[in-house]
Amino acid sequence: MASKVPDTSENMEICKKFCGPCPTFKPNQLNEHPPMALFCSRGQSAKPAEEITDNGCNCFGCGVFQNYKLGGGWFCIYGAEGKKA
């Protein structure tokens, strides 16, 4: 069962390693729209979802994703609950 991801500096450091090279994050300039990273904890980007081009998701390989047994992915678009199947 997934647990809530704490918004900590440790989790942010892990997150940056995966959001930085993410194929969706950079091309959509999600670093310019709050919360800018750690979307699995902070929620989806303030950039409207219809303006985000989905180019793939790096969350599945992230240590935060694994440590908190998250599901879904694409947290930047869909928020802390992730993409529903």
PDB file of N, CA and C in Angstrom:
ATOM      1  N   MET A   1       0.844  -1.193   0.000  1.00  0.00           N
ATOM      2  CA  MET A   1       0.000   0.000   0.000  1.00  0.00           C
ATOM      3  C   MET A   1       0.884   1.250   0.000  1.00  0.00           C
ATOM      4  N   ALA A   2       0.526   2.212  -0.810  1.00  0.00           N
ATOM      5  CA  ALA A   2       1.290   3.454  -0.918  1.00  0.00           C
ATOM      6  C   ALA A   2       1.117   4.299   0.334  1.00  0.00           C
ATOM      7  N   SER A   3       2.177   5.002   0.695  1.00  0.00           N
ATOM      8  CA  SER A   3       2.086   5.922   1.825  1.00  0.00           C
ATOM      9  C   SER A   3       2.361   7.338   1.336  1.00  0.00           C
ATOM     10  N   LYS A   4       1.881   8.323   2.093  1.00  0.00           N
ATOM     11  CA  LYS A   4       2.056   9.721   1.718  1.00  0.00           C
ATOM     12  C   LYS A   4       3.539  10.073   1.718  1.00  0.00           C
ATOM     13  N   VAL A   5       3.951  10.799   0.715  1.00  0.00           N
ATOM     14  CA  VAL A   5       5.356  11.183   0.566  1.00  0.00           C
ATOM     15  C   VAL A   5       5.609  12.483   1.326  1.00  0.00           C
ATOM     16  N   PRO A   6       6.502  12.459   2.308  1.00  0.00           N
ATOM     17  CA  PRO A   6       6.843  13.681   3.034  1.00  0.00           C
ATOM     18  C   PRO A   6       7.610  14.668   2.137  1.00  0.00           C
ATOM     19  N   ASP A   7       7.311  15.933   2.289  1.00  0.00           N
ATOM     20  CA  ASP A   7       7.991  16.996   1.543  1.00  0.00           C
ATOM     21  C   ASP A   7       9.249  17.365   2.329  1.00  0.00           C
ATOM     22  N   THR A   8      10.322  16.608   2.087  1.00  0.00           N
ATOM     23  CA  THR A   8      11.580  16.809   2.806  1.00  0.00           C
ATOM     24  C   THR A   8      12.709  17.125   1.834  1.00  0.00           C
ATOM     25  N   SER A   9      13.765  17.694   2.353  1.00  0.00           N
ATOM     26  CA  SER A   9      14.926  17.992   1.505  1.00  0.00           C
ATOM     27  C   SER A   9      15.555  16.698   0.985  1.00  0.00           C
ATOM     28  N   GLU A  10      15.514  15.625   1.761  1.00  0.00           N
ATOM     29  CA  GLU A  10      16.064  14.345   1.312  1.00  0.00           C
ATOM     30  C   GLU A  10      15.291  13.821   0.107  1.00  0.00           C
ATOM     31  N   ASN A  11      13.957  13.879   0.193  1.00  0.00           N
ATOM     32  CA  ASN A  11      13.146  13.410  -0.932  1.00  0.00           C
ATOM     33  C   ASN A  11      13.330  14.307  -2.152  1.00  0.00           C
ATOM     34  N   MET A  12      13.516  15.594  -1.928  1.00  0.00           N
ATOM     35  CA  MET A  12      13.741  16.517  -3.040  1.00  0.00           C
ATOM     36  C   MET A  12      15.053  16.193  -3.755  1.00  0.00           C
ATOM     37  N   GLU A  13      16.087  15.867  -3.010  1.00  0.00           N
ATOM     38  CA  GLU A  13      17.373  15.518  -3.625  1.00  0.00           C
ATOM     39  C   GLU A  13      17.244  14.274  -4.494  1.00  0.00           C
ATOM     40  N   ILE A  14      16.505  13.290  -4.019  1.00  0.00           N
ATOM     41  CA  ILE A  14      16.266  12.080  -4.806  1.00  0.00           C
ATOM     42  C   ILE A  14      15.465  12.444  -6.055  1.00  0.00           C
ATOM     43  N   CYS A  15      14.420  13.235  -5.861  1.00  0.00           N
ATOM     44  CA  CYS A  15      13.525  13.640  -6.949  1.00  0.00           C
ATOM     45  C   CYS A  15      14.283  14.340  -8.066  1.00  0.00           C
ATOM     46  N   LYS A  16      15.158  15.254  -7.733  1.00  0.00           N
ATOM     47  CA  LYS A  16      15.873  16.043  -8.735  1.00  0.00           C
ATOM     48  C   LYS A  16      16.652  15.168  -9.714  1.00  0.00           C
ATOM     49  N   LYS A  17      17.108  14.015  -9.256  1.00  0.00           N
ATOM     50  CA  LYS A  17      17.863  13.109 -10.110  1.00  0.00           C
ATOM     51  C   LYS A  17      16.977  12.499 -11.196  1.00  0.00           C
ATOM     52  N   PHE A  18      15.678  12.468 -10.967  1.00  0.00           N
ATOM     53  CA  PHE A  18      14.752  11.851 -11.916  1.00  0.00           C
ATOM     54  C   PHE A  18      13.935  12.882 -12.688  1.00  0.00           C
ATOM     55  N   CYS A  19      13.546  13.976 -12.052  1.00  0.00           N
ATOM     56  CA  CYS A  19      12.807  15.035 -12.757  1.00  0.00           C
ATOM     57  C   CYS A  19      13.711  15.753 -13.749  1.00  0.00           C
ATOM     58  N   GLY A  20      14.941  16.008 -13.373  1.00  0.00           N
ATOM     59  CA  GLY A  20      15.860  16.736 -14.252  1.00  0.00           C
ATOM     60  C   GLY A  20      15.930  16.148 -15.648  1.00  0.00           C
ATOM     61  N   PRO A  21      16.209  14.857 -15.798  1.00  0.00           N
ATOM     62  CA  PRO A  21      16.281  14.269 -17.136  1.00  0.00           C
ATOM     63  C   PRO A  21      14.933  13.747 -17.663  1.00  0.00           C
ATOM     64  N   CYS A  22      13.851  13.993 -16.958  1.00  0.00           N
ATOM     65  CA  CYS A  22      12.542  13.466 -17.353  1.00  0.00           C
ATOM     66  C   CYS A  22      12.133  14.004 -18.728  1.00  0.00           C
ATOM     67  N   PRO A  23      11.657  13.136 -19.619  1.00  0.00           N
ATOM     68  CA  PRO A  23      11.277  13.579 -20.965  1.00  0.00           C
ATOM     69  C   PRO A  23      10.042  14.488 -21.005  1.00  0.00           C
ATOM     70  N   THR A  24       9.264  14.525 -19.946  1.00  0.00           N
ATOM     71  CA  THR A  24       8.093  15.402 -19.885  1.00  0.00           C
ATOM     72  C   THR A  24       8.424  16.696 -19.147  1.00  0.00           C
ATOM     73  N   PHE A  25       9.223  16.619 -18.106  1.00  0.00           N
ATOM     74  CA  PHE A  25       9.525  17.762 -17.243  1.00  0.00           C
ATOM     75  C   PHE A  25      10.188  18.924 -17.987  1.00  0.00           C
ATOM     76  N   LYS A  26      11.333  18.678 -18.598  1.00  0.00           N
ATOM     77  CA  LYS A  26      12.091  19.767 -19.246  1.00  0.00           C
ATOM     78  C   LYS A  26      11.376  20.371 -20.451  1.00  0.00           C
ATOM     79  N   PRO A  27      10.919  19.576 -21.420  1.00  0.00           N
ATOM     80  CA  PRO A  27      10.282  20.173 -22.593  1.00  0.00           C
ATOM     81  C   PRO A  27       9.043  21.018 -22.262  1.00  0.00           C
ATOM     82  N   ASN A  28       8.371  20.697 -21.174  1.00  0.00           N
ATOM     83  CA  ASN A  28       7.178  21.439 -20.772  1.00  0.00           C
ATOM     84  C   ASN A  28       7.482  22.560 -19.787  1.00  0.00           C
ATOM     85  N   GLN A  29       8.758  22.730 -19.471  1.00  0.00           N
ATOM     86  CA  GLN A  29       9.219  23.787 -18.560  1.00  0.00           C
ATOM     87  C   GLN A  29       8.449  23.764 -17.230  1.00  0.00           C
ATOM     88  N   LEU A  30       8.286  22.577 -16.670  1.00  0.00           N
ATOM     89  CA  LEU A  30       7.543  22.436 -15.419  1.00  0.00           C
ATOM     90  C   LEU A  30       8.289  23.032 -14.232  1.00  0.00           C
ATOM     91  N   ASN A  31       9.578  23.293 -14.396  1.00  0.00           N
ATOM     92  CA  ASN A  31      10.349  23.956 -13.340  1.00  0.00           C
ATOM     93  C   ASN A  31       9.969  25.433 -13.213  1.00  0.00           C
ATOM     94  N   GLU A  32       9.151  25.940 -14.123  1.00  0.00           N
ATOM     95  CA  GLU A  32       8.711  27.335 -14.082  1.00  0.00           C
ATOM     96  C   GLU A  32       7.313  27.497 -13.484  1.00  0.00           C
ATOM     97  N   HIS A  33       6.714  26.373 -13.083  1.00  0.00           N
ATOM     98  CA  HIS A  33       5.346  26.388 -12.547  1.00  0.00           C
ATOM     99  C   HIS A  33       5.319  25.636 -11.218  1.00  0.00           C
ATOM    100  N   PRO A  34       4.794  26.253 -10.164  1.00  0.00           N
ATOM    101  CA  PRO A  34       4.751  25.570  -8.872  1.00  0.00           C
ATOM    102  C   PRO A  34       3.984  24.254  -8.972  1.00  0.00           C
ATOM    103  N   PRO A  35       4.390  23.261  -8.240  1.00  0.00           N
ATOM    104  CA  PRO A  35       5.394  23.230  -7.188  1.00  0.00           C
ATOM    105  C   PRO A  35       6.810  22.979  -7.678  1.00  0.00           C
ATOM    106  N   MET A  36       7.028  22.849  -8.962  1.00  0.00           N
ATOM    107  CA  MET A  36       8.326  22.767  -9.638  1.00  0.00           C
ATOM    108  C   MET A  36       9.051  21.439  -9.512  1.00  0.00           C
ATOM    109  N   ALA A  37       8.696  20.603  -8.550  1.00  0.00           N
ATOM    110  CA  ALA A  37       9.302  19.276  -8.382  1.00  0.00           C
ATOM    111  C   ALA A  37       8.613  18.573  -7.216  1.00  0.00           C
ATOM    112  N   LEU A  38       8.987  17.343  -6.983  1.00  0.00           N
ATOM    113  CA  LEU A  38       8.432  16.497  -5.911  1.00  0.00           C
ATOM    114  C   LEU A  38       6.902  16.467  -5.983  1.00  0.00           C
ATOM    115  N   PHE A  39       6.419  16.300  -7.200  1.00  0.00           N
ATOM    116  CA  PHE A  39       4.986  16.317  -7.469  1.00  0.00           C
ATOM    117  C   PHE A  39       4.234  15.212  -6.732  1.00  0.00           C
ATOM    118  N   CYS A  40       4.897  14.096  -6.440  1.00  0.00           N
ATOM    119  CA  CYS A  40       4.246  12.994  -5.722  1.00  0.00           C
ATOM    120  C   CYS A  40       3.895  13.394  -4.293  1.00  0.00           C
ATOM    121  N   SER A  41       4.540  14.419  -3.792  1.00  0.00           N
ATOM    122  CA  SER A  41       4.243  14.940  -2.459  1.00  0.00           C
ATOM    123  C   SER A  41       3.430  16.229  -2.534  1.00  0.00           C
ATOM    124  N   ARG A  42       3.836  17.128  -3.417  1.00  0.00           N
ATOM    125  CA  ARG A  42       3.275  18.482  -3.458  1.00  0.00           C
ATOM    126  C   ARG A  42       2.056  18.634  -4.371  1.00  0.00           C
ATOM    127  N   GLY A  43       1.834  17.673  -5.245  1.00  0.00           N
ATOM    128  CA  GLY A  43       0.716  17.752  -6.170  1.00  0.00           C
ATOM    129  C   GLY A  43       1.149  18.171  -7.558  1.00  0.00           C
ATOM    130  N   GLN A  44       0.196  18.213  -8.456  1.00  0.00           N
ATOM    131  CA  GLN A  44       0.473  18.467  -9.863  1.00  0.00           C
ATOM    132  C   GLN A  44       0.948  19.884 -10.120  1.00  0.00           C
ATOM    133  N   SER A  45       1.547  20.050 -11.273  1.00  0.00           N
ATOM    134  CA  SER A  45       2.038  21.355 -11.704  1.00  0.00           C
ATOM    135  C   SER A  45       0.875  22.326 -11.879  1.00  0.00           C
ATOM    136  N   ALA A  46       1.142  23.607 -11.626  1.00  0.00           N
ATOM    137  CA  ALA A  46       0.140  24.652 -11.848  1.00  0.00           C
ATOM    138  C   ALA A  46      -0.069  24.889 -13.345  1.00  0.00           C
ATOM    139  N   LYS A  47       0.846  24.395 -14.170  1.00  0.00           N
ATOM    140  CA  LYS A  47       0.645  24.489 -15.615  1.00  0.00           C
ATOM    141  C   LYS A  47      -0.531  23.590 -15.971  1.00  0.00           C
ATOM    142  N   PRO A  48      -1.515  24.083 -16.691  1.00  0.00           N
ATOM    143  CA  PRO A  48      -2.693  23.268 -17.012  1.00  0.00           C
ATOM    144  C   PRO A  48      -2.316  21.972 -17.730  1.00  0.00           C
ATOM    145  N   ALA A  49      -2.923  20.874 -17.308  1.00  0.00           N
ATOM    146  CA  ALA A  49      -2.616  19.558 -17.869  1.00  0.00           C
ATOM    147  C   ALA A  49      -2.768  19.529 -19.385  1.00  0.00           C
ATOM    148  N   GLU A  50      -3.737  20.265 -19.917  1.00  0.00           N
ATOM    149  CA  GLU A  50      -3.937  20.260 -21.373  1.00  0.00           C
ATOM    150  C   GLU A  50      -2.816  20.979 -22.117  1.00  0.00           C
ATOM    151  N   GLU A  51      -1.953  21.681 -21.397  1.00  0.00           N
ATOM    152  CA  GLU A  51      -0.806  22.342 -22.008  1.00  0.00           C
ATOM    153  C   GLU A  51       0.491  21.557 -21.825  1.00  0.00           C
ATOM    154  N   ILE A  52       0.394  20.384 -21.223  1.00  0.00           N
ATOM    155  CA  ILE A  52       1.570  19.542 -20.983  1.00  0.00           C
ATOM    156  C   ILE A  52       1.563  18.388 -21.979  1.00  0.00           C
ATOM    157  N   THR A  53       2.652  18.260 -22.729  1.00  0.00           N
ATOM    158  CA  THR A  53       2.801  17.150 -23.651  1.00  0.00           C
ATOM    159  C   THR A  53       3.473  16.001 -22.915  1.00  0.00           C
ATOM    160  N   ASP A  54       2.805  14.866 -22.865  1.00  0.00           N
ATOM    161  CA  ASP A  54       3.324  13.681 -22.194  1.00  0.00           C
ATOM    162  C   ASP A  54       4.360  13.015 -23.082  1.00  0.00           C
ATOM    163  N   ASN A  55       5.616  13.090 -22.651  1.00  0.00           N
ATOM    164  CA  ASN A  55       6.722  12.470 -23.384  1.00  0.00           C
ATOM    165  C   ASN A  55       7.284  11.269 -22.642  1.00  0.00           C
ATOM    166  N   GLY A  56       6.595  10.799 -21.618  1.00  0.00           N
ATOM    167  CA  GLY A  56       7.078   9.690 -20.817  1.00  0.00           C
ATOM    168  C   GLY A  56       7.261  10.110 -19.368  1.00  0.00           C
ATOM    169  N   CYS A  57       7.554   9.147 -18.521  1.00  0.00           N
ATOM    170  CA  CYS A  57       7.640   9.389 -17.083  1.00  0.00           C
ATOM    171  C   CYS A  57       8.833   8.651 -16.491  1.00  0.00           C
ATOM    172  N   ASN A  58       9.629   9.358 -15.694  1.00  0.00           N
ATOM    173  CA  ASN A  58      10.788   8.763 -15.023  1.00  0.00           C
ATOM    174  C   ASN A  58      10.476   8.303 -13.603  1.00  0.00           C
ATOM    175  N   CYS A  59       9.292   8.595 -13.105  1.00  0.00           N
ATOM    176  CA  CYS A  59       8.974   8.331 -11.694  1.00  0.00           C
ATOM    177  C   CYS A  59       9.185   6.876 -11.278  1.00  0.00           C
ATOM    178  N   PHE A  60       8.935   5.957 -12.181  1.00  0.00           N
ATOM    179  CA  PHE A  60       8.972   4.540 -11.822  1.00  0.00           C
ATOM    180  C   PHE A  60      10.345   4.071 -11.362  1.00  0.00           C
ATOM    181  N   GLY A  61      11.405   4.724 -11.782  1.00  0.00           N
ATOM    182  CA  GLY A  61      12.750   4.361 -11.359  1.00  0.00           C
ATOM    183  C   GLY A  61      13.253   5.157 -10.166  1.00  0.00           C
ATOM    184  N   CYS A  62      12.456   6.113  -9.709  1.00  0.00           N
ATOM    185  CA  CYS A  62      12.856   7.017  -8.621  1.00  0.00           C
ATOM    186  C   CYS A  62      12.832   6.323  -7.264  1.00  0.00           C
ATOM    187  N   GLY A  63      13.822   6.621  -6.440  1.00  0.00           N
ATOM    188  CA  GLY A  63      13.882   6.060  -5.090  1.00  0.00           C
ATOM    189  C   GLY A  63      12.693   6.459  -4.235  1.00  0.00           C
ATOM    190  N   VAL A  64      12.171   7.659  -4.424  1.00  0.00           N
ATOM    191  CA  VAL A  64      10.990   8.102  -3.663  1.00  0.00           C
ATOM    192  C   VAL A  64       9.802   7.220  -4.041  1.00  0.00           C
ATOM    193  N   PHE A  65       9.614   6.980  -5.327  1.00  0.00           N
ATOM    194  CA  PHE A  65       8.533   6.127  -5.819  1.00  0.00           C
ATOM    195  C   PHE A  65       8.621   4.746  -5.166  1.00  0.00           C
ATOM    196  N   GLN A  66       9.811   4.204  -5.139  1.00  0.00           N
ATOM    197  CA  GLN A  66      10.031   2.865  -4.583  1.00  0.00           C
ATOM    198  C   GLN A  66       9.908   2.855  -3.067  1.00  0.00           C
ATOM    199  N   ASN A  67      10.499   3.827  -2.393  1.00  0.00           N
ATOM    200  CA  ASN A  67      10.469   3.871  -0.919  1.00  0.00           C
ATOM    201  C   ASN A  67       9.060   3.978  -0.359  1.00  0.00           C
ATOM    202  N   TYR A  68       8.190   4.679  -1.069  1.00  0.00           N
ATOM    203  CA  TYR A  68       6.831   4.910  -0.570  1.00  0.00           C
ATOM    204  C   TYR A  68       5.794   4.057  -1.289  1.00  0.00           C
ATOM    205  N   LYS A  69       6.289   3.090  -2.099  1.00  0.00           N
ATOM    206  CA  LYS A  69       5.417   2.134  -2.785  1.00  0.00           C
ATOM    207  C   LYS A  69       4.293   2.835  -3.548  1.00  0.00           C
ATOM    208  N   LEU A  70       4.711   3.826  -4.328  1.00  0.00           N
ATOM    209  CA  LEU A  70       3.744   4.615  -5.084  1.00  0.00           C
ATOM    210  C   LEU A  70       3.250   3.850  -6.305  1.00  0.00           C
ATOM    211  N   GLY A  71       2.138   4.271  -6.821  1.00  0.00           N
ATOM    212  CA  GLY A  71       1.578   3.728  -8.048  1.00  0.00           C
ATOM    213  C   GLY A  71       1.223   4.884  -8.949  1.00  0.00           C
ATOM    214  N   GLY A  72       0.914   4.597 -10.151  1.00  0.00           N
ATOM    215  CA  GLY A  72       0.465   5.648 -11.061  1.00  0.00           C
ATOM    216  C   GLY A  72       1.575   6.247 -11.881  1.00  0.00           C
ATOM    217  N   GLY A  73       2.263   7.217 -11.358  1.00  0.00           N
ATOM    218  CA  GLY A  73       3.264   7.953 -12.125  1.00  0.00           C
ATOM    219  C   GLY A  73       2.643   9.204 -12.723  1.00  0.00           C
ATOM    220  N   TRP A  74       3.423   9.939 -13.486  1.00  0.00           N
ATOM    221  CA  TRP A  74       2.977  11.185 -14.107  1.00  0.00           C
ATOM    222  C   TRP A  74       2.365  12.136 -13.062  1.00  0.00           C
ATOM    223  N   PHE A  75       3.004  12.218 -11.902  1.00  0.00           N
ATOM    224  CA  PHE A  75       2.504  13.047 -10.796  1.00  0.00           C
ATOM    225  C   PHE A  75       2.486  14.528 -11.178  1.00  0.00           C
ATOM    226  N   CYS A  76       3.376  14.939 -12.067  1.00  0.00           N
ATOM    227  CA  CYS A  76       3.410  16.340 -12.492  1.00  0.00           C
ATOM    228  C   CYS A  76       2.124  16.740 -13.214  1.00  0.00           C
ATOM    229  N   ILE A  77       1.490  15.795 -13.873  1.00  0.00           N
ATOM    230  CA  ILE A  77       0.251  16.063 -14.614  1.00  0.00           C
ATOM    231  C   ILE A  77      -0.976  15.738 -13.776  1.00  0.00           C
ATOM    232  N   TYR A  78      -0.942  14.624 -13.028  1.00  0.00           N
ATOM    233  CA  TYR A  78      -2.135  14.102 -12.365  1.00  0.00           C
ATOM    234  C   TYR A  78      -2.180  14.295 -10.857  1.00  0.00           C
ATOM    235  N   GLY A  79      -1.124  14.842 -10.271  1.00  0.00           N
ATOM    236  CA  GLY A  79      -1.117  15.097  -8.833  1.00  0.00           C
ATOM    237  C   GLY A  79      -0.590  13.936  -8.021  1.00  0.00           C
ATOM    238  N   ALA A  80      -0.700  14.048  -6.726  1.00  0.00           N
ATOM    239  CA  ALA A  80      -0.104  13.103  -5.786  1.00  0.00           C
ATOM    240  C   ALA A  80      -0.660  11.683  -5.913  1.00  0.00           C
ATOM    241  N   GLU A  81      -1.831  11.534  -6.480  1.00  0.00           N
ATOM    242  CA  GLU A  81      -2.402  10.187  -6.665  1.00  0.00           C
ATOM    243  C   GLU A  81      -1.846   9.490  -7.900  1.00  0.00           C
ATOM    244  N   GLY A  82      -1.287  10.247  -8.814  1.00  0.00           N
ATOM    245  CA  GLY A  82      -0.715   9.680 -10.028  1.00  0.00           C
ATOM    246  C   GLY A  82      -1.756   9.343 -11.068  1.00  0.00           C
ATOM    247  N   LYS A  83      -1.275   8.866 -12.182  1.00  0.00           N
ATOM    248  CA  LYS A  83      -2.138   8.510 -13.323  1.00  0.00           C
ATOM    249  C   LYS A  83      -2.890   7.234 -13.005  1.00  0.00           C
ATOM    250  N   LYS A  84      -4.160   7.260 -13.204  1.00  0.00           N
ATOM    251  CA  LYS A  84      -4.993   6.078 -12.976  1.00  0.00           C
ATOM    252  C   LYS A  84      -5.032   5.230 -14.246  1.00  0.00           C
ATOM    253  N   ALA A  85      -5.020   3.950 -14.045  1.00  0.00           N
ATOM    254  CA  ALA A  85      -5.042   3.012 -15.190  1.00  0.00           C
ATOM    255  C   ALA A  85      -6.409   2.979 -15.835  1.00  0.00           C
TER     256      ALA A  85
END
